[in-house]
Amino acid sequence: MDHALSGADVATLTRSHEVPDGSMPLGGMKEELSKSYVHMLASACGLTLGSWGQDYDGKDASLSSRVNYAPDMYAPQIDIQLKCTGQIAIQRKDTIAWSLESRTYEMMACRNRHIPTLLCVLVIPKDVGHWIKLDKQGMLARCHMYWQWGHRFAPFKEGQENQTVHLPRTNLLTPQSLLELMKEASQWVPVLA
């Protein structure tokens, strides 16, 4: 399943706009785009998205539901670490390879967290003018977000500054997959030592 734009695809795209010099830095634009992407999906699924001012605990945002998944949890939550990139180098045949700082990796992989964590990586075209397209049919976001549960990360490798997470391309964040993830979160039970 390949969701990335090939070089030939990008060559045929029409730029939607030019960003003037002095605008928000590219890193800030990517951060806002990733938040907006999740916010749009959450809204379409009847979920609430809350943001955090600081990212000290391996989370940029939290999703919450009002659904009672009896006999499982009522109103489950998912903490999300958001990333965004236009780098082709992270794209593998079957996965997206994302490098996380070891501290963040450990926090997200922690099995005794009260709320499960999700790493979400938004893959976008390199050119800002290709991120979105607007026409009379609506808005098209030329990007895909991939996810991986923190508790399903590969075992931690001691002595490394960074750890690589391989997000399967089959883990595409869609309204349906987001609802399934929330149901799975309703069954989350922390592993206490």
Protein backbone atom coordinates (compact mmCIF):
# COMPACT_ATOMS: atom_id res chain seq x y z
CA MET A 1 0.00 0.00 0.00
CA ASP A 2 1.78 3.14 -1.21
CA HIS A 3 0.34 6.47 -0.14
CA ALA A 4 3.36 8.63 -1.01
CA LEU A 5 3.52 10.90 -4.01
CA SER A 6 6.13 9.74 -6.50
CA GLY A 7 8.52 12.15 -8.23
CA ALA A 8 6.37 11.93 -11.36
CA ASP A 9 3.23 12.74 -9.33
CA VAL A 10 4.86 15.79 -7.72
CA ALA A 11 6.03 17.06 -11.11
CA THR A 12 2.41 17.27 -12.29
CA LEU A 13 1.07 19.09 -9.21
CA THR A 14 -0.02 22.70 -9.42
CA ARG A 15 1.17 24.90 -6.58
CA SER A 16 -1.76 26.27 -4.60
CA HIS A 17 0.15 29.24 -3.18
CA GLU A 18 3.48 30.85 -2.35
CA VAL A 19 4.39 31.55 1.28
CA PRO A 20 5.90 35.05 1.63
CA ASP A 21 9.31 35.57 3.25
CA GLY A 22 8.99 36.35 6.93
CA SER A 23 6.09 33.92 7.47
CA MET A 24 5.99 31.31 10.22
CA PRO A 25 9.08 29.05 10.16
CA LEU A 26 8.63 25.79 8.24
CA GLY A 27 8.87 23.70 11.44
CA GLY A 28 6.02 25.68 12.99
CA MET A 29 3.93 25.30 9.83
CA LYS A 30 4.42 21.51 9.92
CA GLU A 31 3.48 21.38 13.60
CA GLU A 32 0.27 23.32 12.95
CA LEU A 33 -0.57 21.16 9.92
CA SER A 34 -0.20 17.94 11.91
CA LYS A 35 -2.45 19.30 14.70
CA SER A 36 -5.02 20.45 12.13
CA TYR A 37 -4.99 17.06 10.39
CA VAL A 38 -5.74 15.21 13.65
CA HIS A 39 -8.27 17.85 14.67
CA MET A 40 -10.18 17.43 11.41
CA LEU A 41 -10.28 13.62 11.80
CA ALA A 42 -11.24 13.86 15.47
CA SER A 43 -14.08 16.27 14.70
CA ALA A 44 -15.40 13.96 11.98
CA CYS A 45 -15.36 11.08 14.51
CA GLY A 46 -17.06 12.91 17.39
CA LEU A 47 -13.87 12.99 19.45
CA THR A 48 -12.36 15.86 21.40
CA LEU A 49 -8.78 16.98 20.78
CA GLY A 50 -6.94 18.79 23.54
CA SER A 51 -3.50 20.38 23.15
CA TRP A 52 -0.65 20.60 25.63
CA GLY A 53 1.46 23.73 26.00
CA GLN A 54 4.62 21.73 26.69
CA ASP A 55 5.79 18.38 25.37
CA TYR A 56 7.51 17.04 28.50
CA ASP A 57 5.66 13.72 28.69
CA GLY A 58 5.89 12.49 25.10
CA LYS A 59 2.54 13.99 24.11
CA ASP A 60 1.54 16.98 22.02
CA ALA A 61 -2.21 16.40 22.19
CA SER A 62 -4.82 14.11 23.73
CA LEU A 63 -7.89 12.60 22.11
CA SER A 64 -10.92 11.75 24.22
CA SER A 65 -14.23 10.08 23.60
CA ARG A 66 -17.56 10.39 25.38
CA VAL A 67 -18.59 6.86 24.43
CA ASN A 68 -19.31 4.19 27.02
CA TYR A 69 -17.56 1.06 25.74
CA ALA A 70 -19.16 -1.12 28.45
CA PRO A 71 -18.06 -3.51 29.78
CA ASP A 72 -14.79 -1.72 29.02
CA MET A 73 -13.89 1.88 29.82
CA TYR A 74 -16.18 4.90 29.62
CA ALA A 75 -14.65 7.99 27.96
CA PRO A 76 -11.26 6.56 26.93
CA GLN A 77 -8.33 8.79 25.99
CA ILE A 78 -5.23 8.55 23.81
CA ASP A 79 -2.15 10.74 24.20
CA ILE A 80 -0.54 11.62 20.87
CA GLN A 81 3.01 12.58 19.88
CA LEU A 82 2.75 14.42 16.53
CA LYS A 83 5.47 14.62 13.90
CA CYS A 84 5.43 15.99 10.35
CA THR A 85 7.93 15.64 7.52
CA GLY A 86 8.48 16.08 3.82
CA GLN A 87 11.62 13.91 3.86
CA ILE A 88 11.63 11.14 1.30
CA ALA A 89 14.44 9.35 3.22
CA ILE A 90 12.09 8.15 5.99
CA GLN A 91 9.82 6.34 3.54
CA ARG A 92 10.51 2.62 3.20
CA LYS A 93 8.60 0.12 1.09
CA ASP A 94 6.33 -1.06 3.93
CA THR A 95 7.03 1.41 6.73
CA ILE A 96 7.77 4.99 7.68
CA ALA A 97 11.02 5.05 9.73
CA TRP A 98 10.96 7.81 12.35
CA SER A 99 13.77 8.54 14.78
CA LEU A 100 12.73 9.57 18.30
CA GLU A 101 14.92 10.83 21.11
CA SER A 102 15.49 7.96 23.54
CA ARG A 103 13.81 9.87 26.41
CA THR A 104 10.60 10.34 24.37
CA TYR A 105 10.76 6.74 23.12
CA GLU A 106 10.99 5.40 26.68
CA MET A 107 8.10 7.57 27.92
CA MET A 108 5.86 6.53 25.03
CA ALA A 109 6.75 2.83 25.35
CA CYS A 110 6.11 2.81 29.10
CA ARG A 111 3.53 0.09 29.81
CA ASN A 112 2.36 1.55 33.13
CA ARG A 113 1.12 4.83 31.65
CA HIS A 114 -2.39 5.70 32.72
CA ILE A 115 -3.31 6.62 29.12
CA PRO A 116 -1.89 4.81 26.07
CA THR A 117 0.24 6.82 23.63
CA LEU A 118 0.24 6.97 19.87
CA LEU A 119 3.05 8.22 17.63
CA CYS A 120 1.55 9.91 14.56
CA VAL A 121 3.75 10.99 11.64
CA LEU A 122 2.27 13.19 8.92
CA VAL A 123 4.04 12.71 5.58
CA ILE A 124 3.69 15.70 3.30
CA PRO A 125 5.11 16.89 -0.03
CA LYS A 126 8.35 18.86 0.43
CA ASP A 127 6.94 21.95 -1.33
CA VAL A 128 4.52 23.93 0.88
CA GLY A 129 2.54 24.92 -2.21
CA HIS A 130 1.67 21.25 -2.75
CA TRP A 131 0.32 20.56 0.75
CA ILE A 132 -3.29 21.42 -0.10
CA LYS A 133 -5.46 21.95 -3.14
CA LEU A 134 -8.71 23.88 -3.13
CA ASP A 135 -11.32 23.76 -5.86
CA LYS A 136 -15.11 23.79 -6.16
CA GLN A 137 -15.27 20.20 -4.86
CA GLY A 138 -13.54 21.12 -1.63
CA MET A 139 -10.12 20.90 -0.01
CA LEU A 140 -7.67 18.09 -0.68
CA ALA A 141 -4.83 17.61 1.78
CA ARG A 142 -1.94 15.92 -0.04
CA CYS A 143 -0.66 14.13 3.02
CA HIS A 144 -1.04 10.91 4.97
CA MET A 145 -0.66 10.26 8.67
CA TYR A 146 0.70 6.97 9.96
CA TRP A 147 0.47 5.73 13.55
CA GLN A 148 2.01 3.25 15.99
CA TRP A 149 1.10 2.50 19.61
CA GLY A 150 3.91 3.40 22.01
CA HIS A 151 3.48 0.12 23.91
CA ARG A 152 4.15 -1.74 20.62
CA PHE A 153 7.51 -0.09 19.97
CA ALA A 154 10.44 -2.48 19.50
CA PRO A 155 12.52 -3.14 22.65
CA PHE A 156 14.59 -0.17 23.81
CA LYS A 157 18.26 -0.22 22.75
CA GLU A 158 20.44 0.98 25.63
CA GLY A 159 23.17 3.55 25.01
CA GLN A 160 21.64 5.20 21.94
CA GLU A 161 20.59 8.86 21.77
CA ASN A 162 17.78 8.02 19.33
CA GLN A 163 15.53 5.05 18.67
CA THR A 164 13.89 4.31 15.33
CA VAL A 165 10.19 3.48 15.16
CA HIS A 166 8.89 1.73 12.05
CA LEU A 167 5.28 2.75 11.44
CA PRO A 168 3.61 0.27 9.07
CA ARG A 169 2.10 1.88 5.97
CA THR A 170 -1.00 -0.18 6.74
CA ASN A 171 -1.38 1.97 9.90
CA LEU A 172 -2.91 4.86 8.00
CA LEU A 173 -4.86 7.24 10.26
CA THR A 174 -8.39 7.50 8.86
CA PRO A 175 -11.74 8.19 10.53
CA GLN A 176 -12.39 4.42 10.71
CA SER A 177 -8.95 3.55 12.10
CA LEU A 178 -9.20 6.39 14.63
CA LEU A 179 -12.50 5.02 15.94
CA GLU A 180 -10.97 1.54 16.14
CA LEU A 181 -7.98 2.93 18.04
CA MET A 182 -10.31 4.63 20.53
CA LYS A 183 -12.18 1.35 21.09
CA GLU A 184 -8.83 -0.35 21.65
CA ALA A 185 -7.89 2.42 24.12
CA SER A 186 -11.08 1.64 26.06
CA GLN A 187 -9.56 -1.77 26.78
CA TRP A 188 -6.18 -0.38 27.87
CA VAL A 189 -4.90 -1.79 31.13
CA PRO A 190 -1.57 -0.42 32.40
CA VAL A 191 1.01 -3.05 33.33
CA LEU A 192 1.99 -2.34 36.92
CA ALA A 193 5.31 -3.71 38.15
